[in-house]
Protein backbone atom coordinates (compact mmCIF):
# COMPACT_ATOMS: atom_id res chain seq x y z
CA MET A 1 122.72 16.69 -16.17
CA ARG A 2 122.51 19.38 -18.08
CA ALA A 3 124.60 21.47 -16.49
CA GLY A 4 124.00 23.85 -19.24
CA ASP A 5 121.45 24.24 -21.88
CA ALA A 6 122.91 21.96 -24.46
CA ALA A 7 120.78 19.26 -25.88
CA ARG A 8 123.59 17.22 -27.27
CA PRO A 9 126.74 15.89 -25.95
CA PRO A 10 129.13 18.95 -26.46
CA SER A 11 132.39 18.28 -28.23
CA ARG A 12 134.42 21.24 -26.84
CA SER A 13 132.89 20.09 -24.82
CA VAL A 14 129.84 17.61 -21.45
CA LEU A 15 127.30 17.66 -18.69
CA ILE A 16 127.34 16.56 -19.54
CA ARG A 17 124.44 15.43 -22.46
CA LEU A 18 125.75 14.82 -20.00
CA LEU A 19 125.95 16.93 -18.21
CA ILE A 20 128.21 16.03 -18.87
CA VAL A 21 125.32 18.40 -18.51
CA THR A 22 122.34 16.82 -20.03
CA ALA A 23 120.39 15.97 -16.95
CA LEU A 24 119.70 19.57 -16.01
CA ILE A 25 118.70 20.09 -19.25
CA ALA A 26 105.36 24.03 -21.17
CA ALA A 27 103.62 25.96 -22.61
CA SER A 28 103.69 28.01 -25.74
CA GLY A 29 101.22 30.56 -26.99
CA CYS A 30 99.48 30.90 -30.29
CA SER A 31 101.36 29.64 -33.32
CA ALA A 32 101.44 31.32 -36.67
CA TYR A 33 99.26 29.52 -39.17
CA GLY A 34 100.94 27.72 -42.04
CA ALA A 35 104.61 27.33 -42.91
CA PRO A 36 106.13 30.67 -43.92
CA SER A 37 107.93 30.80 -47.25
CA ALA A 38 111.52 31.97 -47.82
CA SER A 39 110.22 35.45 -48.59
CA ASP A 40 108.25 35.37 -45.34
CA ALA A 41 111.47 34.50 -43.50
CA GLU A 42 113.25 37.46 -45.04
CA ALA A 43 110.39 39.74 -44.11
CA GLY A 44 109.84 38.34 -40.62
CA LEU A 45 113.41 37.80 -39.46
CA PRO A 46 116.10 40.43 -38.80
CA SER A 47 119.07 40.81 -41.13
CA ALA A 48 122.37 39.20 -40.21
CA ASP A 49 123.77 42.47 -38.87
CA GLU A 50 120.62 43.27 -36.90
CA ALA A 51 120.50 39.74 -35.46
CA ALA A 52 124.12 40.00 -34.32
CA ASP A 53 123.46 43.42 -32.77
CA ARG A 54 120.46 42.14 -30.83
CA TYR A 55 122.38 39.21 -29.39
CA ARG A 56 125.40 41.38 -28.55
CA SER A 57 123.13 43.59 -26.44
CA LEU A 58 122.56 40.64 -24.09
CA ASP A 59 125.03 40.30 -21.21
CA THR A 60 123.24 38.24 -18.55
CA VAL A 61 120.08 36.16 -18.08
CA SER A 62 118.21 34.78 -15.09
CA ALA A 63 115.28 32.38 -15.38
CA THR A 64 113.49 29.39 -13.94
CA VAL A 65 114.24 26.51 -16.31
CA THR A 66 112.14 23.36 -16.63
CA THR A 67 113.76 20.42 -18.41
CA VAL A 68 111.82 17.32 -19.41
CA GLN A 69 114.12 14.48 -20.47
CA GLU A 70 113.16 11.10 -21.92
CA ARG A 71 115.66 8.35 -22.70
CA ASN A 72 114.77 5.26 -24.73
CA ASP A 73 111.08 5.59 -23.80
CA ASP A 74 112.09 4.50 -20.28
CA GLY A 75 110.15 7.24 -18.52
CA THR A 76 110.75 10.94 -18.00
CA VAL A 77 112.77 13.09 -15.65
CA THR A 78 111.55 16.64 -15.02
CA THR A 79 114.06 19.02 -13.45
CA VAL A 80 113.34 22.59 -12.37
CA THR A 81 116.32 24.87 -11.80
CA ARG A 82 116.97 28.52 -11.11
CA LYS A 83 119.57 29.63 -13.60
CA ARG A 84 121.85 32.65 -13.74
CA LYS A 85 123.95 32.95 -16.87
CA ARG A 86 126.61 35.31 -18.19
CA ILE A 87 127.00 35.40 -21.96
CA GLU A 88 130.59 36.67 -22.23
CA PRO A 89 132.83 35.53 -20.69
CA TRP A 90 130.68 32.43 -20.60
CA ALA A 91 129.50 31.25 -17.16
CA TYR A 92 126.39 30.02 -15.40
CA HIS A 93 125.06 29.02 -11.97
CA GLU A 94 122.15 26.60 -11.64
CA ARG A 95 120.44 25.47 -8.44
CA VAL A 96 118.14 22.45 -8.62
CA LEU A 97 114.74 23.35 -7.14
CA ALA A 98 112.81 20.16 -7.86
CA VAL A 99 113.19 16.77 -9.54
CA ASN A 100 110.39 14.41 -10.53
CA ARG A 101 110.81 11.15 -12.40
CA THR A 102 108.56 8.34 -13.50
CA ASP A 103 109.18 4.66 -12.79
CA GLY A 104 112.07 3.31 -14.81
CA ALA A 105 113.69 6.68 -15.48
CA ARG A 106 117.25 7.30 -14.34
CA GLY A 107 117.80 9.95 -11.73
CA PRO A 108 119.56 13.20 -12.66
CA LEU A 109 123.26 13.74 -12.13
CA VAL A 110 122.42 16.44 -9.57
CA ALA A 111 119.52 15.87 -7.18
CA GLU A 112 117.15 18.39 -5.66
CA GLY A 113 119.04 20.92 -3.54
CA GLY A 114 122.24 20.55 -5.55
CA PHE A 115 123.91 23.07 -7.80
CA VAL A 116 126.10 23.50 -10.88
CA ILE A 117 128.61 26.31 -11.39
CA ALA A 118 130.55 26.76 -14.63
CA ASN A 119 133.04 29.37 -15.78
CA GLY A 120 135.87 29.63 -18.27
CA SER A 121 138.06 27.02 -16.58
CA THR A 122 136.02 24.77 -14.30
CA LEU A 123 132.65 23.11 -14.03
CA THR A 124 131.69 22.27 -10.43
CA PHE A 125 128.58 20.44 -9.29
CA TYR A 126 127.36 19.20 -5.92
CA ASP A 127 124.95 16.26 -5.68
CA PRO A 128 123.19 15.96 -2.29
CA ALA A 129 122.07 12.39 -3.05
CA SER A 130 125.66 11.13 -3.18
CA ASP A 131 127.07 13.95 -1.03
CA ARG A 132 129.82 14.46 -3.60
CA LEU A 133 131.41 17.60 -5.00
CA ASN A 134 132.76 17.13 -8.52
CA ARG A 135 135.17 19.44 -10.33
CA ILE A 136 135.69 19.12 -14.07
CA SER A 137 138.29 21.00 -16.06
CA VAL A 138 136.88 22.94 -19.02
CA ARG A 139 138.70 22.94 -22.33
CA GLY A 140 138.30 25.37 -25.17
CA GLY A 141 138.07 28.70 -23.37
CA ASN A 142 134.79 30.57 -23.27
CA GLY A 143 133.34 29.34 -26.51
CA SER A 144 133.08 30.60 -30.03
CA ALA A 145 133.24 34.33 -30.61
CA GLU A 146 130.32 33.90 -33.02
CA SER A 147 126.98 33.17 -31.39
CA PRO A 148 125.07 30.31 -33.02
CA TYR A 149 121.68 32.02 -32.81
CA PRO A 150 122.24 34.92 -35.23
CA ARG A 151 123.88 32.39 -37.54
CA LEU A 152 120.76 30.20 -37.44
CA VAL A 153 118.58 33.21 -38.20
CA GLY A 154 120.81 33.95 -41.18
CA ALA A 155 120.47 30.37 -42.40
CA ALA A 156 116.68 30.59 -42.16
CA ARG A 157 116.72 33.76 -44.28
CA SER A 158 119.14 32.44 -46.91
CA GLY A 159 117.94 28.85 -47.16
CA ARG A 160 121.53 27.60 -46.92
CA SER A 161 122.50 24.76 -44.59
CA VAL A 162 124.70 25.53 -41.61
CA THR A 163 126.76 23.54 -39.13
CA HIS A 164 124.67 22.45 -36.17
CA PRO A 165 125.93 24.61 -33.29
CA THR A 166 127.46 23.58 -30.00
CA LEU A 167 125.01 25.32 -27.72
CA THR A 168 127.02 24.99 -24.51
CA PRO A 169 130.61 25.88 -25.43
CA GLY A 170 133.56 24.92 -23.27
CA VAL A 171 132.12 21.98 -21.35
CA SER A 172 133.91 18.67 -21.77
CA PRO A 173 131.99 15.40 -21.45
CA LEU A 174 131.93 13.85 -18.01
CA PRO A 175 134.10 10.71 -17.96
CA ALA A 176 131.79 7.72 -17.59
CA VAL A 177 132.89 4.59 -15.73
CA PRO A 178 133.13 1.84 -18.36
CA VAL A 179 131.08 -0.96 -16.77
CA GLU A 180 130.31 -4.08 -18.77
CA GLY A 181 126.73 -4.30 -19.99
CA ASP A 182 125.83 -0.66 -19.44
CA SER A 183 128.30 2.21 -19.54
CA GLU A 184 130.51 0.33 -21.98
CA ARG A 185 128.30 1.53 -24.80
CA ASN A 186 129.16 5.10 -23.84
CA GLY A 187 132.54 4.45 -25.39
CA SER A 188 131.07 3.77 -28.81
CA THR A 189 128.76 5.27 -31.41
CA PRO A 190 129.86 8.84 -30.71
CA TYR A 191 127.66 11.85 -31.31
CA ARG A 192 127.85 12.59 -35.03
CA GLU A 193 127.69 16.23 -36.05
CA GLY A 194 126.89 17.76 -39.40
CA ASN A 195 124.92 20.43 -41.22
CA VAL A 196 121.28 21.35 -40.71
CA THR A 197 118.71 23.30 -42.68
CA VAL A 198 116.81 25.97 -40.76
CA THR A 199 113.16 26.83 -41.44
CA TYR A 200 111.40 29.89 -40.07
CA ALA A 201 107.98 28.81 -38.75
CA GLY A 202 106.56 32.14 -37.67
CA THR A 203 106.27 33.70 -34.23
CA GLU A 204 104.93 32.32 -30.97
CA THR A 205 104.54 33.61 -27.43
CA ILE A 206 106.59 31.95 -24.69
CA ASP A 207 106.12 33.17 -21.11
CA GLY A 208 104.59 36.39 -22.37
CA ARG A 209 107.44 37.20 -24.78
CA GLN A 210 107.40 37.06 -28.56
CA THR A 211 109.72 34.48 -30.12
CA TYR A 212 110.89 33.37 -33.57
CA ARG A 213 110.25 29.67 -34.09
CA LEU A 214 113.09 27.96 -36.00
CA GLU A 215 112.97 24.31 -37.04
CA LEU A 216 116.29 22.54 -37.61
CA THR A 217 116.49 19.46 -39.83
CA PRO A 218 119.66 17.36 -40.28
CA VAL A 219 121.01 17.26 -43.83
CA SER A 220 122.41 13.74 -43.45
CA PRO A 221 120.62 10.71 -41.94
CA GLU A 222 123.98 9.74 -40.46
CA MET A 223 123.82 12.63 -38.00
CA SER A 224 122.86 11.95 -34.39
CA LEU A 225 120.40 14.85 -34.40
CA ARG A 226 116.89 13.83 -35.42
CA SER A 227 115.11 17.16 -35.06
CA GLN A 228 115.30 20.40 -33.12
CA THR A 229 112.99 23.37 -32.66
CA LEU A 230 114.16 26.64 -31.11
CA TRP A 231 112.03 29.52 -29.89
CA LEU A 232 114.31 32.59 -29.91
CA ASP A 233 113.30 35.75 -28.07
CA THR A 234 112.77 38.39 -30.76
CA GLN A 235 114.55 41.12 -28.78
CA TYR A 236 117.72 39.25 -27.79
CA LEU A 237 117.66 36.04 -29.90
CA TYR A 238 118.05 33.97 -26.74
CA PRO A 239 116.30 30.55 -26.73
CA LEU A 240 113.32 30.63 -24.37
CA LYS A 241 112.37 27.11 -25.35
CA ARG A 242 114.04 24.20 -27.10
CA HIS A 243 112.80 20.77 -28.15
CA THR A 244 115.42 18.27 -29.33
CA LYS A 245 115.55 14.63 -30.39
CA PHE A 246 118.87 12.88 -30.95
CA ASP A 247 120.61 9.50 -30.81
CA ALA A 248 124.02 8.93 -29.25
CA HIS A 249 126.00 6.15 -27.59
CA GLY A 250 123.32 3.59 -28.38
CA ASP A 251 120.51 5.58 -26.79
CA SER A 252 117.68 7.83 -27.99
CA TYR A 253 117.01 11.11 -26.19
CA GLU A 254 114.26 13.71 -26.22
CA TYR A 255 114.51 17.02 -24.35
CA THR A 256 112.13 19.93 -23.87
CA ILE A 257 113.69 22.93 -22.11
CA THR A 258 111.51 25.92 -21.21
CA HIS A 259 112.56 29.23 -19.60
CA ARG A 260 110.09 31.17 -17.45
CA ASP A 261 110.25 34.25 -15.25
CA VAL A 262 113.03 35.44 -17.54
CA VAL A 263 114.97 38.60 -16.71
CA PHE A 264 117.40 39.90 -19.33
CA ASN A 265 120.54 41.80 -18.32
CA PRO A 266 120.16 41.50 -14.54
CA THR A 267 123.07 42.48 -12.28
CA PHE A 268 124.78 39.60 -10.45
CA ASP A 269 127.03 39.63 -7.39
CA ALA A 270 130.76 39.32 -8.08
CA GLY A 271 130.96 35.80 -6.63
CA THR A 272 127.97 34.36 -8.49
CA PHE A 273 130.05 32.11 -10.73
CA ARG A 274 132.55 30.97 -8.09
CA LEU A 275 132.10 28.18 -5.55
CA ASP A 276 131.20 29.35 -2.06
CA PRO A 277 132.83 26.83 0.35
CA ASP A 278 129.96 27.35 2.79
CA GLU A 279 127.59 25.77 0.26
CA VAL A 280 129.33 22.40 0.60
CA PRO A 281 128.67 20.37 3.78
CA ASN A 282 131.66 19.32 5.89
CA GLY A 283 132.86 15.81 5.11
CA THR A 284 131.57 15.84 1.53
CA ASP A 285 133.36 13.43 -0.80
CA ARG A 286 135.28 15.28 -3.51
CA ALA A 287 136.17 14.07 -6.99
CA ARG A 288 138.26 15.69 -9.70
CA PHE A 289 137.76 15.27 -13.44
CA SER A 290 140.43 16.65 -15.75
CA ASN A 291 140.72 16.81 -19.53
CA TYR A 292 143.94 16.96 -21.52
CA ASP A 293 144.88 17.89 -25.06
CA SER A 294 147.62 15.27 -25.35
CA ARG A 295 148.58 11.92 -23.91
CA ALA A 296 151.88 13.38 -22.72
CA ALA A 297 150.11 16.16 -20.80
CA MET A 298 147.99 13.65 -18.91
CA ALA A 299 150.95 11.36 -18.27
CA ALA A 300 152.82 14.27 -16.68
CA ALA A 301 149.87 15.23 -14.46
CA VAL A 302 148.64 11.90 -13.04
CA GLU A 303 150.26 9.00 -11.22
CA LEU A 304 148.58 6.31 -13.29
CA PRO A 305 150.60 4.81 -16.15
CA VAL A 306 149.49 6.34 -19.45
CA PRO A 307 150.76 4.09 -22.25
CA ALA A 308 150.98 5.16 -25.88
CA LEU A 309 149.96 3.24 -28.97
CA SER A 310 152.87 2.18 -31.13
CA ALA A 311 153.49 4.00 -34.40
CA SER A 312 152.33 0.91 -36.31
CA THR A 313 148.67 1.44 -35.40
CA GLU A 314 146.44 3.49 -37.70
CA PHE A 315 144.72 5.43 -34.90
CA GLU A 316 145.47 8.99 -33.85
CA PHE A 317 145.01 10.72 -30.48
CA ASP A 318 141.75 12.64 -30.03
CA SER A 319 141.28 13.44 -26.32
CA ALA A 320 142.16 12.31 -22.80
CA SER A 321 140.47 12.56 -19.41
CA TYR A 322 141.14 11.55 -15.81
CA ARG A 323 138.86 10.78 -12.87
CA SER A 324 140.38 10.89 -9.39
CA THR A 325 138.15 8.51 -7.43
CA ASP A 326 135.38 5.88 -7.32
CA PRO A 327 137.10 4.48 -9.27
CA GLU A 328 140.29 6.26 -10.27
CA PHE A 329 140.85 5.86 -13.99
CA ALA A 330 142.24 7.53 -17.10
CA THR A 331 140.74 7.42 -20.59
CA ILE A 332 142.34 8.15 -23.95
CA ARG A 333 140.20 8.35 -27.07
CA TYR A 334 141.69 7.58 -30.48
CA GLU A 335 140.22 8.02 -33.96
CA ARG A 336 141.04 6.36 -37.27
CA PRO A 337 141.48 9.17 -39.84
CA GLY A 338 139.03 9.10 -42.72
CA SER A 339 136.57 6.75 -41.04
CA ASP A 340 134.18 6.38 -38.11
CA GLY A 341 136.64 4.08 -36.37
CA GLU A 342 137.16 4.93 -32.72
CA LEU A 343 139.02 3.33 -29.84
CA ARG A 344 139.25 4.05 -26.14
CA LEU A 345 142.02 3.02 -23.79
CA PHE A 346 141.14 2.81 -20.09
CA VAL A 347 143.63 2.56 -17.24
CA PHE A 348 142.18 1.81 -13.79
CA GLY A 349 143.97 2.53 -10.53
CA THR A 350 143.04 -0.88 -9.10
CA THR A 351 143.02 -4.47 -10.30
CA ARG A 352 139.66 -5.65 -11.64
CA GLU A 353 139.78 -9.41 -12.16
CA SER A 354 137.09 -10.94 -14.36
CA THR A 355 136.42 -14.37 -15.84
CA ALA A 356 133.82 -13.13 -18.33
CA GLY A 357 134.48 -13.35 -22.04
CA THR A 358 136.93 -15.24 -24.24
CA PRO A 359 140.56 -15.73 -23.11
CA VAL A 360 143.11 -14.12 -25.44
CA GLN A 361 146.87 -13.77 -25.06
CA ILE A 362 148.14 -10.19 -25.19
CA GLY A 363 151.90 -10.23 -24.81
CA GLU A 364 152.70 -11.75 -21.43
CA TYR A 365 149.15 -11.23 -20.14
CA GLU A 366 146.12 -13.49 -20.36
CA ALA A 367 143.35 -11.06 -21.26
CA ARG A 368 139.59 -11.38 -21.74
CA ARG A 369 137.70 -10.31 -24.85
CA THR A 370 134.06 -9.33 -24.42
CA ARG A 371 131.39 -7.84 -26.65
CA THR A 372 128.58 -5.65 -25.28
CA ASN A 373 126.10 -3.51 -27.21
CA GLY A 374 128.19 -3.70 -30.37
CA THR A 375 131.44 -2.74 -28.62
CA THR A 376 134.34 -5.19 -28.39
CA ALA A 377 136.73 -4.86 -25.45
CA ILE A 378 139.96 -6.55 -24.37
CA THR A 379 140.83 -6.30 -20.68
CA TRP A 380 143.93 -7.42 -18.77
CA THR A 381 145.38 -6.88 -15.31
CA THR A 382 148.91 -6.19 -14.09
CA ASP A 383 150.11 -6.24 -10.48
CA GLU A 384 148.60 -2.82 -9.71
CA HIS A 385 146.39 -1.73 -12.60
CA THR A 386 143.74 -2.87 -15.06
CA PHE A 387 143.91 -1.94 -18.75
CA ARG A 388 141.15 -2.05 -21.34
CA VAL A 389 140.91 -1.18 -25.02
CA SER A 390 137.45 -1.04 -26.59
CA GLY A 391 135.81 0.06 -29.80
CA HIS A 392 133.77 -0.79 -32.88
CA VAL A 393 136.59 -2.62 -34.68
CA ASP A 394 137.31 -6.22 -35.64
CA ASN A 395 139.00 -8.61 -33.22
CA ALA A 396 142.32 -8.64 -35.08
CA THR A 397 142.60 -4.84 -35.02
CA LEU A 398 141.69 -4.64 -31.35
CA SER A 399 144.24 -7.34 -30.45
CA ARG A 400 146.93 -5.52 -32.43
CA VAL A 401 146.16 -2.29 -30.58
CA ALA A 402 146.18 -4.06 -27.21
CA ARG A 403 149.60 -5.58 -27.97
CA SER A 404 150.92 -2.14 -28.91
CA VAL A 405 149.80 -0.87 -25.49
CA VAL A 406 151.55 -3.74 -23.70
CA GLU A 407 154.75 -3.02 -25.62
CA THR A 408 154.91 0.48 -24.11
CA LEU A 409 154.26 -0.51 -20.48
């Protein structure tokens, strides 16, 4: 979904690439001829102070947003939403007006008639297709005090590389159910960030407004980002259009997001960014997604067992999340310092017997080792729960980690 306007899975995170947040993720006017030089960028773009002042003058935005998403050349999904957004403190409200998809394309996280509401603490979305209301805790407050857009303008003027910005601050990724053969790959090959160079490519007209066209190029081929172009409104430095290509979790994505009928600094009702209970039909299924900054915090908040890795493993805690239903499960993500090594520990609230894979002995449990899309996983079942560790590591390391989990049960 794209429950916001990010074109990459956010780390402070979400929708939700995901959305979390990626499924709610065109026409431009006349382009400037030729690629402007560095001196052209200095002449055509505002100074750093002026850019910051222009963006600070923007408080709210409303627009009709069209998102065209393509994944792995498997068809496209076009979503049209009506969006109301507050810049600071960060919040937005999107209602899905229309969804069209070609054969083979996955449906959006929120279907036509649904909505997404986000504020400084919670992201809530209702999907009419599943008749489910989802609530996701938001970590990281309201985002960075420094807007990424003036910073990108400054990078275009100076010619220096800059960290690729998180364009939807505060939204944590939606926990994905780790199913063999499909969602399992979502636990591997994480989105890799890094620096980008920014090139000023002149001005263009988007929906009747003048924009600066900025082209972002990754400095390292190891980054997930492949390319990104932003069209920033010249008055407020707000992106009226964005085209992004990136790879993550074993998949390739392409997004084009276009704003139309834009109104800057409109006045919104006080309850715009809060859930109105009357918007949710009676009997709707409700699910809760929570994120935690430590294993201990999650262990204290949920009824599922939340084991720890023993001190002998070389992995360190990174993040934790919990999903309350369908199915209930907890996830802890670990990283190996100084490398791309990553592990995830899943704890399910039910037993999930399987005969797939190779039998391996993990402590007192007969487990199963499987390999899907480059990810190795070891799964075992106790009387009431199912445990799984998975990652891009060798079999010996994964078995050692699994045994360390069993030792703490």
